[in-house]
Amino acid sequence: MDNDTLIMTMMFDFFGDLLTDKQREYYDLYHNEDLSLSEIAEKAGITRQGVYDIITRAEKSLVMMEQKTGVVRKWIDTRGALGRAEDTARQLLRSLGGDDESRALAEELVVALARIAEVE
């Protein structure tokens, strides 16, 4: 999955409920279920061009919502920061000597960061 596809998928995950029912359904069928425009058109009883227009409007709406809110970008940045913090905590844990209290705190930090990363 290329980066643009990943970003569009994330935008759909975050903002899909804000699309119309048809936009959400056709977008999902096209991008997630991998149906062709013709297959969707046949199923929906409309033209291929009609399906294309609805999907294109949905994509534009998703992009506009992300441009206004920046939610996906913030989520990606936060995930990256959490990963770096967890790596740093693991390095700290490896570098600590025999101080049991410091090791226990570092281990607790590693576990906490790993849990946060799982929730995200």
C-alpha atoms as a PDB file:
ATOM      1  CA  MET A   1       0.000   0.000   0.000  1.00  0.00           C
ATOM      2  CA  ASP A   2       1.550   3.286  -1.033  1.00  0.00           C
ATOM      3  CA  ASN A   3       1.572   6.339   1.214  1.00  0.00           C
ATOM      4  CA  ASP A   4      -1.277   8.146  -0.616  1.00  0.00           C
ATOM      5  CA  THR A   5      -3.501   5.073  -0.379  1.00  0.00           C
ATOM      6  CA  LEU A   6      -2.704   4.723   3.310  1.00  0.00           C
ATOM      7  CA  ILE A   7      -3.535   8.397   3.955  1.00  0.00           C
ATOM      8  CA  MET A   8      -6.834   8.114   2.013  1.00  0.00           C
ATOM      9  CA  THR A   9      -7.724   4.970   3.976  1.00  0.00           C
ATOM     10  CA  MET A  10      -7.004   6.743   7.241  1.00  0.00           C
ATOM     11  CA  MET A  11      -9.064   9.764   6.181  1.00  0.00           C
ATOM     12  CA  PHE A  12     -11.958   7.418   5.393  1.00  0.00           C
ATOM     13  CA  ASP A  13     -11.551   5.794   8.822  1.00  0.00           C
ATOM     14  CA  PHE A  14     -11.574   9.164  10.576  1.00  0.00           C
ATOM     15  CA  PHE A  15     -14.122  11.049   8.478  1.00  0.00           C
ATOM     16  CA  GLY A  16     -16.138   8.386   6.630  1.00  0.00           C
ATOM     17  CA  ASP A  17     -19.165   8.846   8.858  1.00  0.00           C
ATOM     18  CA  LEU A  18     -19.388  12.461   7.675  1.00  0.00           C
ATOM     19  CA  LEU A  19     -19.943  11.398   4.049  1.00  0.00           C
ATOM     20  CA  THR A  20     -23.374  10.741   2.625  1.00  0.00           C
ATOM     21  CA  ASP A  21     -24.561   7.142   2.728  1.00  0.00           C
ATOM     22  CA  LYS A  22     -23.960   6.704  -1.025  1.00  0.00           C
ATOM     23  CA  GLN A  23     -20.530   8.305  -0.900  1.00  0.00           C
ATOM     24  CA  ARG A  24     -19.526   6.077   2.008  1.00  0.00           C
ATOM     25  CA  GLU A  25     -20.934   2.928   0.361  1.00  0.00           C
ATOM     26  CA  TYR A  26     -19.428   3.513  -3.090  1.00  0.00           C
ATOM     27  CA  TYR A  27     -16.078   4.653  -1.688  1.00  0.00           C
ATOM     28  CA  ASP A  28     -15.916   1.523   0.474  1.00  0.00           C
ATOM     29  CA  LEU A  29     -16.894  -0.765  -2.404  1.00  0.00           C
ATOM     30  CA  TYR A  30     -14.344   0.808  -4.728  1.00  0.00           C
ATOM     31  CA  HIS A  31     -11.361   1.258  -2.401  1.00  0.00           C
ATOM     32  CA  ASN A  32     -11.843  -1.414   0.263  1.00  0.00           C
ATOM     33  CA  GLU A  33     -13.796  -4.136  -1.527  1.00  0.00           C
ATOM     34  CA  ASP A  34     -11.878  -3.564  -4.785  1.00  0.00           C
ATOM     35  CA  LEU A  35     -14.991  -3.493  -7.004  1.00  0.00           C
ATOM     36  CA  SER A  36     -14.713  -1.748 -10.354  1.00  0.00           C
ATOM     37  CA  LEU A  37     -16.756   1.317 -11.229  1.00  0.00           C
ATOM     38  CA  SER A  38     -18.762  -0.853 -13.647  1.00  0.00           C
ATOM     39  CA  GLU A  39     -19.504  -3.452 -10.969  1.00  0.00           C
ATOM     40  CA  ILE A  40     -20.701  -0.788  -8.543  1.00  0.00           C
ATOM     41  CA  ALA A  41     -22.776   0.909 -11.251  1.00  0.00           C
ATOM     42  CA  GLU A  42     -24.448  -2.368 -12.165  1.00  0.00           C
ATOM     43  CA  LYS A  43     -25.180  -3.117  -8.512  1.00  0.00           C
ATOM     44  CA  ALA A  44     -26.548   0.400  -7.875  1.00  0.00           C
ATOM     45  CA  GLY A  45     -28.441   0.721 -11.139  1.00  0.00           C
ATOM     46  CA  ILE A  46     -26.672   3.907 -12.202  1.00  0.00           C
ATOM     47  CA  THR A  47     -24.045   4.786 -14.779  1.00  0.00           C
ATOM     48  CA  ARG A  48     -20.348   4.195 -14.359  1.00  0.00           C
ATOM     49  CA  GLN A  49     -19.868   7.979 -14.641  1.00  0.00           C
ATOM     50  CA  GLY A  50     -22.359   8.491 -11.815  1.00  0.00           C
ATOM     51  CA  VAL A  51     -20.391   6.160  -9.563  1.00  0.00           C
ATOM     52  CA  TYR A  52     -17.155   7.900 -10.521  1.00  0.00           C
ATOM     53  CA  ASP A  53     -18.635  11.315  -9.685  1.00  0.00           C
ATOM     54  CA  ILE A  54     -19.864  10.153  -6.267  1.00  0.00           C
ATOM     55  CA  ILE A  55     -16.512   8.567  -5.371  1.00  0.00           C
ATOM     56  CA  THR A  56     -14.624  11.648  -6.574  1.00  0.00           C
ATOM     57  CA  ARG A  57     -16.830  13.932  -4.458  1.00  0.00           C
ATOM     58  CA  ALA A  58     -16.245  11.652  -1.463  1.00  0.00           C
ATOM     59  CA  GLU A  59     -12.470  11.791  -1.959  1.00  0.00           C
ATOM     60  CA  LYS A  60     -12.548  15.582  -2.261  1.00  0.00           C
ATOM     61  CA  SER A  61     -14.638  15.830   0.908  1.00  0.00           C
ATOM     62  CA  LEU A  62     -12.189  13.621   2.821  1.00  0.00           C
ATOM     63  CA  VAL A  63      -9.221  15.680   1.647  1.00  0.00           C
ATOM     64  CA  MET A  64     -10.984  18.932   2.553  1.00  0.00           C
ATOM     65  CA  MET A  65     -11.821  17.642   6.042  1.00  0.00           C
ATOM     66  CA  GLU A  66      -8.200  16.634   6.601  1.00  0.00           C
ATOM     67  CA  GLN A  67      -6.965  20.004   5.339  1.00  0.00           C
ATOM     68  CA  LYS A  68      -9.255  21.787   7.787  1.00  0.00           C
ATOM     69  CA  THR A  69      -8.596  19.598  10.819  1.00  0.00           C
ATOM     70  CA  GLY A  70      -5.194  17.973  10.313  1.00  0.00           C
ATOM     71  CA  VAL A  71      -6.397  15.002  12.384  1.00  0.00           C
ATOM     72  CA  VAL A  72      -4.726  12.323  10.270  1.00  0.00           C
ATOM     73  CA  ARG A  73      -1.411  14.186  10.145  1.00  0.00           C
ATOM     74  CA  LYS A  74      -1.537  14.692  13.941  1.00  0.00           C
ATOM     75  CA  TRP A  75      -2.327  11.007  14.448  1.00  0.00           C
ATOM     76  CA  ILE A  76       0.600   9.957  12.244  1.00  0.00           C
ATOM     77  CA  ASP A  77       2.943  12.385  14.041  1.00  0.00           C
ATOM     78  CA  THR A  78       1.764  11.160  17.457  1.00  0.00           C
ATOM     79  CA  ARG A  79       2.298   7.506  16.479  1.00  0.00           C
ATOM     80  CA  GLY A  80       5.815   8.350  15.342  1.00  0.00           C
ATOM     81  CA  ALA A  81       6.576  10.218  18.564  1.00  0.00           C
ATOM     82  CA  LEU A  82       5.260   7.329  20.654  1.00  0.00           C
ATOM     83  CA  GLY A  83       7.417   4.868  18.745  1.00  0.00           C
ATOM     84  CA  ARG A  84      10.496   7.015  19.247  1.00  0.00           C
ATOM     85  CA  ALA A  85       9.711   7.448  22.962  1.00  0.00           C
ATOM     86  CA  GLU A  86       9.299   3.688  23.377  1.00  0.00           C
ATOM     87  CA  ASP A  87      12.608   3.066  21.594  1.00  0.00           C
ATOM     88  CA  THR A  88      14.327   5.620  23.826  1.00  0.00           C
ATOM     89  CA  ALA A  89      12.854   4.014  26.949  1.00  0.00           C
ATOM     90  CA  ARG A  90      14.100   0.602  25.785  1.00  0.00           C
ATOM     91  CA  GLN A  91      17.585   2.047  25.188  1.00  0.00           C
ATOM     92  CA  LEU A  92      17.500   3.589  28.658  1.00  0.00           C
ATOM     93  CA  LEU A  93      16.517   0.261  30.166  1.00  0.00           C
ATOM     94  CA  ARG A  94      19.414  -1.501  28.391  1.00  0.00           C
ATOM     95  CA  SER A  95      21.912   1.143  29.521  1.00  0.00           C
ATOM     96  CA  LEU A  96      20.962   1.137  33.202  1.00  0.00           C
ATOM     97  CA  GLY A  97      23.268  -0.660  35.561  1.00  0.00           C
ATOM     98  CA  GLY A  98      22.259  -2.584  38.653  1.00  0.00           C
ATOM     99  CA  ASP A  99      20.059   0.118  40.201  1.00  0.00           C
ATOM    100  CA  ASP A 100      16.862  -1.875  40.769  1.00  0.00           C
ATOM    101  CA  GLU A 101      14.673   1.176  41.327  1.00  0.00           C
ATOM    102  CA  SER A 102      15.806   2.874  38.093  1.00  0.00           C
ATOM    103  CA  ARG A 103      15.387  -0.359  36.128  1.00  0.00           C
ATOM    104  CA  ALA A 104      11.872  -0.830  37.529  1.00  0.00           C
ATOM    105  CA  LEU A 105      10.916   2.714  36.532  1.00  0.00           C
ATOM    106  CA  ALA A 106      12.361   2.261  33.029  1.00  0.00           C
ATOM    107  CA  GLU A 107      10.529  -1.059  32.623  1.00  0.00           C
ATOM    108  CA  GLU A 108       7.284   0.597  33.744  1.00  0.00           C
ATOM    109  CA  LEU A 109       7.840   3.370  31.192  1.00  0.00           C
ATOM    110  CA  VAL A 110       8.436   0.868  28.375  1.00  0.00           C
ATOM    111  CA  VAL A 111       5.241  -1.020  29.239  1.00  0.00           C
ATOM    112  CA  ALA A 112       3.182   2.191  29.505  1.00  0.00           C
ATOM    113  CA  LEU A 113       4.402   3.480  26.138  1.00  0.00           C
ATOM    114  CA  ALA A 114       3.746   0.117  24.490  1.00  0.00           C
ATOM    115  CA  ARG A 115       0.179   0.125  25.846  1.00  0.00           C
ATOM    116  CA  ILE A 116      -0.440   3.667  24.579  1.00  0.00           C
ATOM    117  CA  ALA A 117       0.869   2.698  21.148  1.00  0.00           C
ATOM    118  CA  GLU A 118      -1.523  -0.284  21.062  1.00  0.00           C
ATOM    119  CA  VAL A 119      -4.547   1.913  21.892  1.00  0.00           C
ATOM    120  CA  GLU A 120      -3.746   4.380  19.158  1.00  0.00           C
END
